[in-house]
Amino acid sequence: MFHISTKSRYGLRTLVELASHCQAGPVSLKELSKGQSISKKYLENIFRMLLQGGIIRSVRGARGGYQLAVDPARVTLLDILNTIDGPVALLECIRNADMCKKVRGCPTRSLWKGLEEHIITYLKGRTLKELVDQYQKERTGYQGMYI
């Protein structure tokens, strides 16, 4: 079954928050951890992968923290998920035909392969900027209703 890991979900949420603050400069891990209700230690592990993948960068110093290393309009959700969890795969047998004896005669393999292609195409077609814009629009809309 296709599964988005907790690391990927938390990583995406935190990247949306980080990108939302990109004009204000670096954001501390402590602030991001608190804002997303994610333990700092868990977030450190996710950010280590995002650093290695070139999606974020760290800024040292008293006003240091993290910021995006890429334009949010140029990084896709697929890029982010692949960086955190490795290649998106619906079923292992689609990537590794040797794992199943019935792969050649499987009546449903093409269905799963097609579904995986749709998921990958969707994630490849969505950017971090789109998520940020949607989040800011929803947040502004909700605040406006209560004023």
C-alpha atoms as a PDB file:
ATOM      1  CA  MET A   1       0.000   0.000   0.000  1.00  0.00           C
ATOM      2  CA  PHE A   2       1.202   3.505  -0.792  1.00  0.00           C
ATOM      3  CA  HIS A   3       2.245   5.206   2.395  1.00  0.00           C
ATOM      4  CA  ILE A   4       3.451   8.727   3.081  1.00  0.00           C
ATOM      5  CA  SER A   5       5.696   8.502   6.132  1.00  0.00           C
ATOM      6  CA  THR A   6       5.401  10.689   9.181  1.00  0.00           C
ATOM      7  CA  LYS A   7       8.837  12.086   8.295  1.00  0.00           C
ATOM      8  CA  SER A   8       7.537  13.222   4.906  1.00  0.00           C
ATOM      9  CA  ARG A   9       4.324  14.670   6.325  1.00  0.00           C
ATOM     10  CA  TYR A  10       6.181  16.571   9.034  1.00  0.00           C
ATOM     11  CA  GLY A  11       8.876  17.632   6.582  1.00  0.00           C
ATOM     12  CA  LEU A  12       6.341  19.064   4.141  1.00  0.00           C
ATOM     13  CA  ARG A  13       4.448  20.891   6.887  1.00  0.00           C
ATOM     14  CA  THR A  14       7.633  22.396   8.241  1.00  0.00           C
ATOM     15  CA  LEU A  15       8.873  23.402   4.800  1.00  0.00           C
ATOM     16  CA  VAL A  16       5.591  25.236   4.195  1.00  0.00           C
ATOM     17  CA  GLU A  17       6.127  27.137   7.446  1.00  0.00           C
ATOM     18  CA  LEU A  18       9.775  27.816   6.603  1.00  0.00           C
ATOM     19  CA  ALA A  19       8.868  29.057   3.117  1.00  0.00           C
ATOM     20  CA  SER A  20       6.131  31.244   4.595  1.00  0.00           C
ATOM     21  CA  HIS A  21       8.816  33.073   6.597  1.00  0.00           C
ATOM     22  CA  CYS A  22      11.435  33.229   3.841  1.00  0.00           C
ATOM     23  CA  GLN A  23      11.319  37.039   3.618  1.00  0.00           C
ATOM     24  CA  ALA A  24      12.056  37.386   7.339  1.00  0.00           C
ATOM     25  CA  GLY A  25      15.334  35.468   7.194  1.00  0.00           C
ATOM     26  CA  PRO A  26      16.427  32.219   8.823  1.00  0.00           C
ATOM     27  CA  VAL A  27      14.094  30.459  11.242  1.00  0.00           C
ATOM     28  CA  SER A  28      15.425  28.522  14.221  1.00  0.00           C
ATOM     29  CA  LEU A  29      14.783  24.822  14.572  1.00  0.00           C
ATOM     30  CA  LYS A  30      13.341  25.531  18.014  1.00  0.00           C
ATOM     31  CA  GLU A  31      10.786  27.929  16.534  1.00  0.00           C
ATOM     32  CA  LEU A  32       9.848  25.508  13.748  1.00  0.00           C
ATOM     33  CA  SER A  33       9.607  22.640  16.220  1.00  0.00           C
ATOM     34  CA  LYS A  34       7.307  24.629  18.473  1.00  0.00           C
ATOM     35  CA  GLY A  35       5.206  25.965  15.593  1.00  0.00           C
ATOM     36  CA  GLN A  36       4.596  22.507  14.181  1.00  0.00           C
ATOM     37  CA  SER A  37       4.412  20.612  17.498  1.00  0.00           C
ATOM     38  CA  ILE A  38       7.192  18.285  16.398  1.00  0.00           C
ATOM     39  CA  SER A  39      10.023  17.291  18.703  1.00  0.00           C
ATOM     40  CA  LYS A  40      13.228  19.156  17.965  1.00  0.00           C
ATOM     41  CA  LYS A  41      15.197  15.906  17.796  1.00  0.00           C
ATOM     42  CA  TYR A  42      12.807  14.387  15.230  1.00  0.00           C
ATOM     43  CA  LEU A  43      12.901  17.582  13.169  1.00  0.00           C
ATOM     44  CA  GLU A  44      16.717  17.563  13.269  1.00  0.00           C
ATOM     45  CA  ASN A  45      16.679  14.157  11.552  1.00  0.00           C
ATOM     46  CA  ILE A  46      14.332  15.397   8.839  1.00  0.00           C
ATOM     47  CA  PHE A  47      16.351  18.582   8.338  1.00  0.00           C
ATOM     48  CA  ARG A  48      19.570  16.581   8.022  1.00  0.00           C
ATOM     49  CA  MET A  49      18.051  14.873   4.963  1.00  0.00           C
ATOM     50  CA  LEU A  50      16.756  18.166   3.553  1.00  0.00           C
ATOM     51  CA  LEU A  51      20.206  19.720   4.015  1.00  0.00           C
ATOM     52  CA  GLN A  52      21.883  16.817   2.241  1.00  0.00           C
ATOM     53  CA  GLY A  53      19.302  17.065  -0.538  1.00  0.00           C
ATOM     54  CA  GLY A  54      20.018  20.759  -1.029  1.00  0.00           C
ATOM     55  CA  ILE A  55      16.454  21.862  -0.262  1.00  0.00           C
ATOM     56  CA  ILE A  56      17.374  23.890   2.829  1.00  0.00           C
ATOM     57  CA  ARG A  57      20.533  25.482   4.168  1.00  0.00           C
ATOM     58  CA  SER A  58      21.636  26.377   7.651  1.00  0.00           C
ATOM     59  CA  VAL A  59      22.742  29.843   8.641  1.00  0.00           C
ATOM     60  CA  ARG A  60      25.104  30.129  11.601  1.00  0.00           C
ATOM     61  CA  GLY A  61      25.206  32.895  14.138  1.00  0.00           C
ATOM     62  CA  ALA A  62      23.027  34.626  16.684  1.00  0.00           C
ATOM     63  CA  ARG A  63      20.247  35.151  14.143  1.00  0.00           C
ATOM     64  CA  GLY A  64      20.905  31.861  12.427  1.00  0.00           C
ATOM     65  CA  GLY A  65      18.593  29.025  11.666  1.00  0.00           C
ATOM     66  CA  TYR A  66      17.324  27.461   8.481  1.00  0.00           C
ATOM     67  CA  GLN A  67      16.067  28.808   5.197  1.00  0.00           C
ATOM     68  CA  LEU A  68      15.213  27.404   1.821  1.00  0.00           C
ATOM     69  CA  ALA A  69      18.152  26.782  -0.481  1.00  0.00           C
ATOM     70  CA  VAL A  70      15.871  26.610  -3.512  1.00  0.00           C
ATOM     71  CA  ASP A  71      13.120  28.714  -4.999  1.00  0.00           C
ATOM     72  CA  PRO A  72       9.842  27.241  -3.661  1.00  0.00           C
ATOM     73  CA  ALA A  73       8.371  27.583  -7.158  1.00  0.00           C
ATOM     74  CA  ARG A  74      11.066  25.244  -8.498  1.00  0.00           C
ATOM     75  CA  VAL A  75      10.990  22.458  -5.913  1.00  0.00           C
ATOM     76  CA  THR A  76       8.276  19.864  -6.442  1.00  0.00           C
ATOM     77  CA  LEU A  77       6.553  17.815  -3.803  1.00  0.00           C
ATOM     78  CA  LEU A  78       8.092  14.755  -5.463  1.00  0.00           C
ATOM     79  CA  ASP A  79      11.577  16.269  -4.945  1.00  0.00           C
ATOM     80  CA  ILE A  80      10.833  16.721  -1.250  1.00  0.00           C
ATOM     81  CA  LEU A  81       9.326  13.258  -0.693  1.00  0.00           C
ATOM     82  CA  ASN A  82      12.181  11.605  -2.606  1.00  0.00           C
ATOM     83  CA  THR A  83      14.703  13.517  -0.485  1.00  0.00           C
ATOM     84  CA  ILE A  84      13.112  12.453   2.783  1.00  0.00           C
ATOM     85  CA  ASP A  85      11.960   8.906   2.039  1.00  0.00           C
ATOM     86  CA  GLY A  86      13.600   7.885  -1.211  1.00  0.00           C
ATOM     87  CA  PRO A  87      11.747   7.098  -4.435  1.00  0.00           C
ATOM     88  CA  VAL A  88       7.968   7.094  -4.199  1.00  0.00           C
ATOM     89  CA  ALA A  89       6.736   3.567  -4.871  1.00  0.00           C
ATOM     90  CA  LEU A  90       3.207   2.235  -4.688  1.00  0.00           C
ATOM     91  CA  LEU A  91       4.296  -1.407  -4.503  1.00  0.00           C
ATOM     92  CA  GLU A  92       7.737  -2.949  -4.251  1.00  0.00           C
ATOM     93  CA  CYS A  93       7.060  -5.326  -7.154  1.00  0.00           C
ATOM     94  CA  ILE A  94       6.707  -2.384  -9.554  1.00  0.00           C
ATOM     95  CA  ARG A  95      10.279  -1.263  -8.807  1.00  0.00           C
ATOM     96  CA  ASN A  96      11.738  -4.720  -8.266  1.00  0.00           C
ATOM     97  CA  ALA A  97      10.277  -7.371 -10.559  1.00  0.00           C
ATOM     98  CA  ASP A  98      12.508 -10.034  -8.974  1.00  0.00           C
ATOM     99  CA  MET A  99      10.663  -9.873  -5.667  1.00  0.00           C
ATOM    100  CA  CYS A 100       7.592 -11.731  -6.949  1.00  0.00           C
ATOM    101  CA  LYS A 101       7.408 -14.978  -8.929  1.00  0.00           C
ATOM    102  CA  LYS A 102       4.104 -13.930 -10.496  1.00  0.00           C
ATOM    103  CA  VAL A 103       5.209 -10.544 -11.771  1.00  0.00           C
ATOM    104  CA  ARG A 104       5.115 -11.630 -15.444  1.00  0.00           C
ATOM    105  CA  GLY A 105       1.643 -13.113 -15.227  1.00  0.00           C
ATOM    106  CA  CYS A 106       0.149 -10.703 -12.713  1.00  0.00           C
ATOM    107  CA  PRO A 107      -3.283  -9.526 -13.846  1.00  0.00           C
ATOM    108  CA  THR A 108      -3.129  -6.352 -11.705  1.00  0.00           C
ATOM    109  CA  ARG A 109       0.471  -5.183 -12.134  1.00  0.00           C
ATOM    110  CA  SER A 110      -0.393  -2.746 -14.929  1.00  0.00           C
ATOM    111  CA  LEU A 111      -3.142  -1.243 -12.762  1.00  0.00           C
ATOM    112  CA  TRP A 112      -0.732  -0.567  -9.877  1.00  0.00           C
ATOM    113  CA  LYS A 113       1.974   0.677 -12.229  1.00  0.00           C
ATOM    114  CA  GLY A 114      -0.477   3.122 -13.846  1.00  0.00           C
ATOM    115  CA  LEU A 115      -1.690   4.352 -10.468  1.00  0.00           C
ATOM    116  CA  GLU A 116       1.887   4.905  -9.311  1.00  0.00           C
ATOM    117  CA  GLU A 117       2.582   6.899 -12.490  1.00  0.00           C
ATOM    118  CA  HIS A 118      -0.432   9.128 -11.756  1.00  0.00           C
ATOM    119  CA  ILE A 119       0.758   9.732  -8.189  1.00  0.00           C
ATOM    120  CA  ILE A 120       4.267  10.588  -9.369  1.00  0.00           C
ATOM    121  CA  THR A 121       2.939  12.881 -12.114  1.00  0.00           C
ATOM    122  CA  TYR A 122       0.705  14.664  -9.593  1.00  0.00           C
ATOM    123  CA  LEU A 123       3.526  15.155  -7.073  1.00  0.00           C
ATOM    124  CA  LYS A 124       5.895  16.258  -9.838  1.00  0.00           C
ATOM    125  CA  GLY A 125       3.350  18.830 -11.001  1.00  0.00           C
ATOM    126  CA  ARG A 126       2.850  20.462  -7.587  1.00  0.00           C
ATOM    127  CA  THR A 127       5.379  22.843  -6.046  1.00  0.00           C
ATOM    128  CA  LEU A 128       6.192  23.965  -2.546  1.00  0.00           C
ATOM    129  CA  LYS A 129       5.131  27.481  -3.553  1.00  0.00           C
ATOM    130  CA  GLU A 130       1.654  26.223  -4.408  1.00  0.00           C
ATOM    131  CA  LEU A 131       1.332  24.700  -0.947  1.00  0.00           C
ATOM    132  CA  VAL A 132       2.570  27.903   0.678  1.00  0.00           C
ATOM    133  CA  ASP A 133       0.164  30.053  -1.354  1.00  0.00           C
ATOM    134  CA  GLN A 134      -2.748  27.752  -0.527  1.00  0.00           C
ATOM    135  CA  TYR A 135      -1.830  27.724   3.178  1.00  0.00           C
ATOM    136  CA  GLN A 136      -1.544  31.512   3.351  1.00  0.00           C
ATOM    137  CA  LYS A 137      -4.832  31.956   1.506  1.00  0.00           C
ATOM    138  CA  GLU A 138      -6.644  29.561   3.850  1.00  0.00           C
ATOM    139  CA  ARG A 139      -5.059  31.105   6.929  1.00  0.00           C
ATOM    140  CA  THR A 140      -5.982  34.640   5.825  1.00  0.00           C
ATOM    141  CA  GLY A 141      -9.497  33.518   4.935  1.00  0.00           C
ATOM    142  CA  TYR A 142     -10.063  31.926   8.335  1.00  0.00           C
ATOM    143  CA  GLN A 143      -8.728  34.953  10.214  1.00  0.00           C
ATOM    144  CA  GLY A 144     -10.979  37.219   8.181  1.00  0.00           C
ATOM    145  CA  MET A 145     -14.070  35.259   9.223  1.00  0.00           C
ATOM    146  CA  TYR A 146     -13.431  35.844  12.936  1.00  0.00           C
ATOM    147  CA  ILE A 147     -12.629  39.562  12.855  1.00  0.00           C
END
